[in-house]
Protein backbone atom coordinates (compact mmCIF):
# COMPACT_ATOMS: atom_id res chain seq x y z
CA MET A 1 92.43 -14.23 218.90
CA ASN A 2 94.48 -12.81 216.10
CA THR A 3 94.34 -9.02 216.32
CA HIS A 4 96.68 -8.40 213.38
CA LEU A 5 95.01 -6.16 210.79
CA SER A 6 96.04 -6.41 207.14
CA PRO A 7 96.76 -3.13 205.39
CA PRO A 8 93.85 -1.97 203.28
CA GLU A 9 93.82 -3.08 199.67
CA PRO A 10 94.67 -0.24 197.28
CA HIS A 11 91.67 1.12 195.46
CA PRO A 12 91.66 -0.29 191.90
CA GLY A 13 91.54 3.22 190.48
CA ALA A 14 94.41 4.62 192.56
CA ALA A 15 97.17 3.64 190.13
CA GLY A 16 97.70 5.33 186.81
CA ILE A 17 99.55 4.38 183.65
CA GLY A 18 102.81 2.70 184.68
CA GLY A 19 101.46 1.72 188.09
CA GLN A 20 102.33 4.98 189.84
CA ALA A 21 99.93 6.31 192.48
CA LEU A 22 97.56 8.92 191.13
CA VAL A 23 97.74 12.38 192.68
CA VAL A 24 94.60 14.05 194.05
CA LEU A 25 94.48 17.72 195.05
CA ILE A 26 91.76 18.55 197.59
CA VAL A 27 90.83 22.22 197.90
CA ASP A 28 88.70 23.32 200.86
CA ASP A 29 89.03 26.26 203.25
CA VAL A 30 87.77 24.22 206.25
CA PRO A 31 90.41 21.69 207.44
CA ASP A 32 87.81 19.59 209.25
CA ASN A 33 86.04 19.01 205.94
CA VAL A 34 89.26 17.82 204.33
CA ALA A 35 90.45 15.34 206.98
CA PRO A 36 88.00 12.41 206.47
CA LEU A 37 88.29 12.55 202.68
CA HIS A 38 92.08 12.88 202.89
CA ASP A 39 92.32 9.78 205.11
CA ALA A 40 90.02 7.73 202.88
CA LEU A 41 91.94 8.59 199.72
CA ASP A 42 95.27 7.97 201.42
CA GLU A 43 94.15 4.52 202.59
CA ALA A 44 92.96 3.74 199.08
CA GLY A 45 96.48 4.34 197.73
CA TYR A 46 96.20 7.84 196.26
CA THR A 47 98.82 10.51 196.81
CA VAL A 48 96.87 13.37 198.41
CA LEU A 49 97.70 17.07 198.32
CA VAL A 50 95.73 19.77 200.14
CA ALA A 51 95.15 23.48 199.55
CA LEU A 52 93.07 25.67 201.89
CA ASP A 53 92.42 28.65 199.58
CA GLY A 54 92.09 29.51 195.92
CA GLU A 55 95.51 31.07 195.38
CA SER A 56 97.25 28.08 196.98
CA ALA A 57 95.12 25.73 194.90
CA ILE A 58 96.23 27.33 191.64
CA ARG A 59 99.90 27.28 192.66
CA ARG A 60 99.79 23.64 193.80
CA ALA A 61 97.96 22.55 190.67
CA GLN A 62 100.50 24.27 188.40
CA GLN A 63 103.44 22.83 190.35
CA ALA A 64 102.24 19.27 190.98
CA LEU A 65 99.93 18.75 187.96
CA PRO A 66 97.61 16.39 189.89
CA ASP A 67 95.54 13.77 188.10
CA VAL A 68 92.28 15.09 189.54
CA ILE A 69 91.16 18.06 191.63
CA LEU A 70 88.39 17.97 194.26
CA LEU A 71 87.39 21.61 194.54
CA ASP A 72 85.23 23.39 197.10
CA ALA A 73 82.91 25.81 195.34
CA VAL A 74 82.49 28.43 198.06
CA MET A 75 85.66 29.84 199.61
CA PRO A 76 86.71 33.32 200.77
CA GLY A 77 88.89 35.27 198.35
CA ILE A 78 89.09 33.40 195.06
CA ASP A 79 86.17 30.96 195.00
CA GLY A 80 86.16 27.56 193.37
CA PHE A 81 84.49 28.77 190.19
CA GLU A 82 87.30 31.26 189.52
CA VAL A 83 89.96 28.68 190.40
CA ALA A 84 88.47 26.31 187.84
CA ARG A 85 88.32 29.00 185.15
CA ARG A 86 91.98 29.92 185.67
CA LEU A 87 93.15 26.31 185.59
CA LYS A 88 91.18 25.59 182.44
CA ALA A 89 92.73 28.65 180.78
CA ASP A 90 96.26 27.34 181.49
CA PRO A 91 97.44 24.83 178.83
CA ASP A 92 99.42 22.93 181.49
CA THR A 93 96.37 22.28 183.69
CA THR A 94 93.46 22.44 181.26
CA LEU A 95 93.10 18.66 180.95
CA ILE A 96 92.98 17.97 184.71
CA PRO A 97 89.42 16.87 185.62
CA ILE A 98 87.83 19.05 188.31
CA ILE A 99 85.08 17.67 190.56
CA PHE A 100 83.29 20.33 192.56
CA MET A 101 82.39 19.70 196.20
CA THR A 102 79.48 21.91 197.12
CA GLY A 103 76.70 22.41 199.60
CA LEU A 104 74.91 24.46 196.97
CA THR A 105 72.08 22.53 195.36
CA GLU A 106 70.37 25.28 193.42
CA THR A 107 70.38 24.52 189.69
CA GLU A 108 72.16 27.75 188.74
CA HIS A 109 75.04 26.94 191.10
CA LEU A 110 75.48 23.49 189.63
CA VAL A 111 75.34 24.89 186.11
CA ALA A 112 77.93 27.50 187.11
CA ALA A 113 80.23 24.73 188.36
CA LEU A 114 80.06 22.91 185.04
CA GLU A 115 80.42 26.09 182.98
CA ALA A 116 83.54 26.99 184.97
CA GLY A 117 85.16 23.76 183.75
CA GLY A 118 84.04 21.13 186.25
CA VAL A 119 83.36 17.63 184.91
CA ASP A 120 81.17 16.63 187.88
CA TYR A 121 80.08 17.62 191.38
CA VAL A 122 79.33 15.96 194.70
CA THR A 123 77.22 17.51 197.44
CA LYS A 124 78.19 17.99 201.05
CA PRO A 125 78.40 16.27 203.47
CA ILE A 126 81.00 14.40 201.45
CA LYS A 127 80.78 10.60 201.22
CA PRO A 128 84.31 9.32 200.43
CA ARG A 129 83.10 6.15 198.67
CA GLU A 130 80.88 8.20 196.37
CA VAL A 131 83.73 10.61 195.65
CA MET A 132 86.09 7.76 194.72
CA ALA A 133 83.48 6.21 192.45
CA ARG A 134 83.00 9.50 190.62
CA MET A 135 86.77 10.05 190.47
CA GLY A 136 87.32 6.64 188.92
CA VAL A 137 85.13 7.45 185.93
CA HIS A 138 86.76 10.78 185.19
CA LEU A 139 90.30 9.55 185.83
CA ARG A 140 89.90 6.79 183.25
CA THR A 141 88.61 9.31 180.71
CA ALA A 142 91.42 11.75 181.46
CA GLN A 143 94.07 9.03 181.13
CA HIS A 144 92.71 7.99 177.73
CA VAL A 145 92.73 11.61 176.56
CA LYS A 146 96.26 12.15 177.89
CA ALA A 147 97.54 8.93 176.32
CA GLY A 148 95.95 9.84 173.01
CA ALA A 149 97.46 13.32 173.12
CA VAL A 150 100.91 11.87 173.78
CA GLU A 151 100.56 9.44 170.88
CA ARG A 152 99.40 12.17 168.53
CA SER A 153 102.24 14.43 169.63
CA GLN A 154 104.81 11.68 169.10
CA ALA A 155 103.40 10.86 165.69
CA ARG A 156 103.40 14.48 164.57
CA ASN A 157 106.90 15.18 165.87
CA ALA A 158 108.08 12.07 164.06
CA LEU A 159 107.06 13.75 160.81
CA ASP A 160 109.76 16.37 161.39
CA ALA A 161 112.43 13.71 160.96
CA PHE A 162 111.18 13.11 157.41
CA GLY A 163 110.97 16.79 156.50
CA TYR A 164 107.21 17.07 157.04
CA ALA A 165 106.31 19.75 159.58
CA SER A 166 102.78 20.00 160.97
CA ILE A 167 100.53 22.51 162.70
CA THR A 168 97.01 22.49 164.11
CA VAL A 169 94.81 25.51 163.44
CA ARG A 170 91.40 26.26 164.96
CA ALA A 171 89.23 27.42 162.09
CA SER A 172 86.74 29.41 164.19
CA ASP A 173 89.20 32.05 165.41
CA GLY A 174 92.30 31.24 163.35
CA LYS A 175 94.43 30.41 166.38
CA LEU A 176 97.51 28.24 165.85
CA MET A 177 96.96 25.64 168.56
CA TRP A 178 99.98 23.36 168.10
CA GLN A 179 103.14 23.09 166.00
CA THR A 180 106.17 20.88 165.66
CA PRO A 181 109.61 22.46 166.14
CA LEU A 182 110.29 22.33 162.39
CA ALA A 183 106.95 24.01 161.67
CA ARG A 184 107.80 26.84 164.05
CA ASP A 185 111.09 27.51 162.24
CA LEU A 186 109.51 27.36 158.77
CA LEU A 187 106.63 29.70 159.62
CA GLN A 188 109.05 32.20 161.13
CA ARG A 189 111.29 32.06 158.06
CA TYR A 190 108.57 32.22 155.39
CA CYS A 191 105.88 34.28 157.12
CA GLY A 192 107.53 36.03 160.05
CA THR A 193 104.81 34.78 162.42
CA ASN A 194 104.82 32.86 165.68
CA ALA A 195 102.15 30.87 167.55
CA PRO A 196 99.38 31.50 168.41
CA TYR A 197 99.15 33.56 165.21
CA THR A 198 98.43 31.74 161.97
CA PRO A 199 99.90 33.39 158.84
CA PRO A 200 97.06 35.25 157.05
CA ALA A 201 97.69 33.46 153.74
CA VAL A 202 97.44 30.07 155.46
CA LEU A 203 94.26 30.99 157.32
CA GLN A 204 92.58 32.33 154.18
CA TRP A 205 93.51 29.16 152.29
CA LEU A 206 92.22 26.95 155.13
CA ARG A 207 88.85 28.68 155.38
CA ARG A 208 88.43 28.79 151.60
CA HIS A 209 88.77 25.03 151.29
CA LEU A 210 87.05 23.72 154.43
CA GLY A 211 84.08 22.66 152.31
CA ASP A 212 86.29 20.39 150.22
CA ALA A 213 87.82 18.88 153.35
CA GLN A 214 84.43 18.27 154.96
CA ALA A 215 83.28 16.52 151.78
CA GLN A 216 86.47 14.42 151.92
CA ARG A 217 87.77 15.91 148.69
CA GLU A 218 91.48 16.68 148.46
CA PRO A 219 91.76 20.49 148.64
CA PRO A 220 94.34 22.25 146.45
CA ARG A 221 97.62 22.82 148.19
CA LEU A 222 99.02 26.18 149.17
CA THR A 223 102.57 27.07 148.15
CA LEU A 224 104.63 29.96 149.51
CA GLU A 225 107.87 30.77 147.70
CA SER A 226 111.09 32.29 148.97
CA GLY A 227 113.71 32.51 146.27
CA PRO A 228 114.39 29.02 144.91
CA ARG A 229 112.77 27.44 147.97
CA ARG A 230 109.08 26.80 148.49
CA LEU A 231 106.86 25.74 151.37
CA THR A 232 103.83 23.62 150.50
CA PHE A 233 100.81 23.24 152.82
CA ARG A 234 98.45 20.25 152.67
CA LEU A 235 95.18 20.16 154.60
CA HIS A 236 95.39 16.75 156.21
CA GLN A 237 92.43 16.11 158.52
CA GLN A 238 90.18 17.41 161.26
CA VAL A 239 91.49 16.53 164.71
CA GLY A 240 90.05 16.47 168.21
CA ASP A 241 87.58 14.30 170.05
CA GLN A 242 84.19 13.73 168.47
CA ASP A 243 81.12 12.70 170.45
CA GLY A 244 80.17 9.94 168.07
CA SER A 245 77.06 11.72 166.77
CA GLU A 246 77.28 14.65 164.41
CA LEU A 247 80.71 15.90 163.37
CA GLU A 248 81.77 19.34 164.51
CA GLU A 249 80.98 22.13 162.10
CA ALA A 250 83.99 22.93 159.96
CA THR A 251 84.16 26.45 161.38
CA ASP A 252 84.54 25.09 164.91
CA GLY A 253 87.08 22.34 164.31
CA ASP A 254 90.84 22.06 164.70
CA TRP A 255 92.63 21.11 161.49
CA LEU A 256 95.96 19.37 161.04
CA ILE A 257 98.04 20.91 158.27
CA VAL A 258 101.19 19.20 157.00
CA MET A 259 103.96 21.27 155.43
CA GLN A 260 106.99 20.37 153.36
CA GLU A 261 109.83 22.57 152.14
CA THR A 262 111.46 21.88 148.80
CA SER A 263 114.32 23.62 147.04
CA ASP A 264 115.08 24.34 143.41
CA ALA A 265 118.82 24.69 144.00
CA ALA A 266 119.38 21.66 141.78
CA VAL A 267 117.14 23.22 139.11
CA LEU A 268 119.13 26.46 139.12
CA GLU A 269 122.36 24.54 138.73
CA SER A 270 120.93 22.60 135.78
CA VAL A 271 119.71 25.81 134.13
CA ALA A 272 123.11 27.45 134.53
CA GLN A 273 124.94 24.46 133.07
CA ALA A 274 122.52 23.99 130.17
CA PHE A 275 122.97 27.52 128.82
CA GLY A 276 126.30 28.67 130.29
CA LEU A 277 124.60 31.19 132.60
CA THR A 278 125.85 32.79 135.76
CA ALA A 279 124.11 31.93 139.03
CA ARG A 280 122.16 35.24 138.98
CA GLU A 281 121.20 34.79 135.32
CA ALA A 282 119.93 31.30 136.12
CA GLU A 283 117.77 32.76 138.87
CA VAL A 284 116.33 35.37 136.51
CA LEU A 285 115.51 32.73 133.90
CA TYR A 286 113.98 30.53 136.58
CA TRP A 287 111.51 33.28 137.51
CA VAL A 288 110.80 34.07 133.87
CA VAL A 289 109.74 30.46 133.46
CA LYS A 290 107.49 30.93 136.50
CA GLY A 291 105.75 33.79 134.66
CA LYS A 292 107.14 36.66 136.72
CA ILE A 293 107.62 40.11 135.20
CA ASN A 294 110.82 42.11 135.67
CA ARG A 295 109.46 44.16 138.58
CA ASP A 296 108.44 40.99 140.46
CA ILE A 297 111.79 39.35 139.76
CA GLY A 298 113.57 42.44 141.04
CA ASP A 299 111.54 42.31 144.28
CA ILE A 300 112.35 38.63 144.73
CA LEU A 301 116.07 39.01 144.04
CA GLY A 302 116.47 42.34 145.81
CA THR A 303 117.51 44.28 142.72
CA SER A 304 115.98 46.79 140.31
CA PRO A 305 113.83 45.99 137.23
CA ALA A 306 116.52 47.68 135.10
CA THR A 307 119.16 45.27 136.39
CA VAL A 308 116.84 42.33 135.71
CA LYS A 309 116.37 43.63 132.15
CA LYS A 310 120.17 43.68 131.60
CA HIS A 311 120.45 40.10 132.92
CA LEU A 312 117.65 39.07 130.59
CA GLU A 313 119.39 40.63 127.58
CA ARG A 314 122.51 38.58 128.30
CA ILE A 315 120.36 35.46 128.78
CA HIS A 316 118.73 36.00 125.37
CA ALA A 317 122.15 36.39 123.77
CA LYS A 318 123.53 33.20 125.32
CA MET A 319 120.42 31.18 124.45
CA GLY A 320 120.11 32.63 120.92
CA VAL A 321 116.53 33.82 121.39
CA GLU A 322 114.87 37.24 121.17
CA THR A 323 111.95 37.07 123.59
CA ARG A 324 111.32 35.99 127.16
CA THR A 325 108.62 33.62 125.93
CA ALA A 326 111.08 31.85 123.66
CA ALA A 327 113.64 31.71 126.49
CA ALA A 328 111.12 30.16 128.84
CA ALA A 329 110.01 27.58 126.28
CA MET A 330 113.59 26.57 125.49
CA ALA A 331 114.45 26.28 129.19
CA ILE A 332 111.47 24.01 129.87
CA ASN A 333 112.34 21.79 126.90
CA ARG A 334 116.03 21.57 127.78
CA VAL A 335 115.76 21.24 131.60
CA PRO A 336 113.25 18.52 132.65
CA LEU A 337 113.33 19.71 136.26
CA LEU A 338 111.58 22.92 135.18
CA GLN A 339 108.57 21.06 133.87
CA PRO A 340 105.34 21.52 135.90
CA GLN A 341 105.34 18.13 137.63
CA HIS A 342 108.60 19.13 139.30
CA GLY A 343 107.42 22.60 140.26
CA GLY A 344 105.11 21.66 143.15
């Protein structure tokens, strides 16, 4: 009689994207409870990690980033509910599906498990085959979400290479949820803000035009200026997973905003050449064309209104005009780049 036993076939759900074994973290303060489930998962081809208390569970999850966590609800010290809440609050572990293992069957306990961030629960005594069946469903969902997030991140970062930076803002509380490296630099330079804070001007503009976006109308763009450079914001689309029924309310959604920086350095050079102006005089005329008064121009250029007035007098003399209105009109007629379609 042949007594050779073939190794068990790997469980079909034990391999993730790329064929690597999926990692399962089991958290239970009673080692005897863990052993049968550990052995079953190991035989099925999963890589199994174990933690015997809440603090260890949080550390192991943050270090190993498992694909799924099987979490005991009732433990001394930090219980499973608190472990789940902390992991869901951490951006690095928030997407890991958590399945509670509990002997509690009262409705309020099960509701508490789901409110803490669990996607499912199994009741004790644990049946390994049932656990693996439940895991399979949630692992497939998590992998799709993770793959989609990677694709979206790659697509958005790719925009940086073409000069288009992007951010994601949550309309409900104004939190800046995500940004490309270029977006981070631009927001710091133009607004002096860093994530998770959205510049007030951007948040006000977003909330003002959410109705247009929801109605699929192109909202007006926002432009912030810094000298001859400007940063333009375009409200692109609502992002995030929808449940296939009603769309999220606009005030609850995350919105992708695409930004592009442009420069009028070439315009200033053309203005200077057209009228024989100095670089500073060209800047003054540029802002006159934009409708700025002397005080505003002084604030922009870091000089006094009196100095701006002297520059303007020399500009009038060189252009052969007597008023700022005439100077602006002549500049627009002579320098095509100053015309509105080129001004953003």
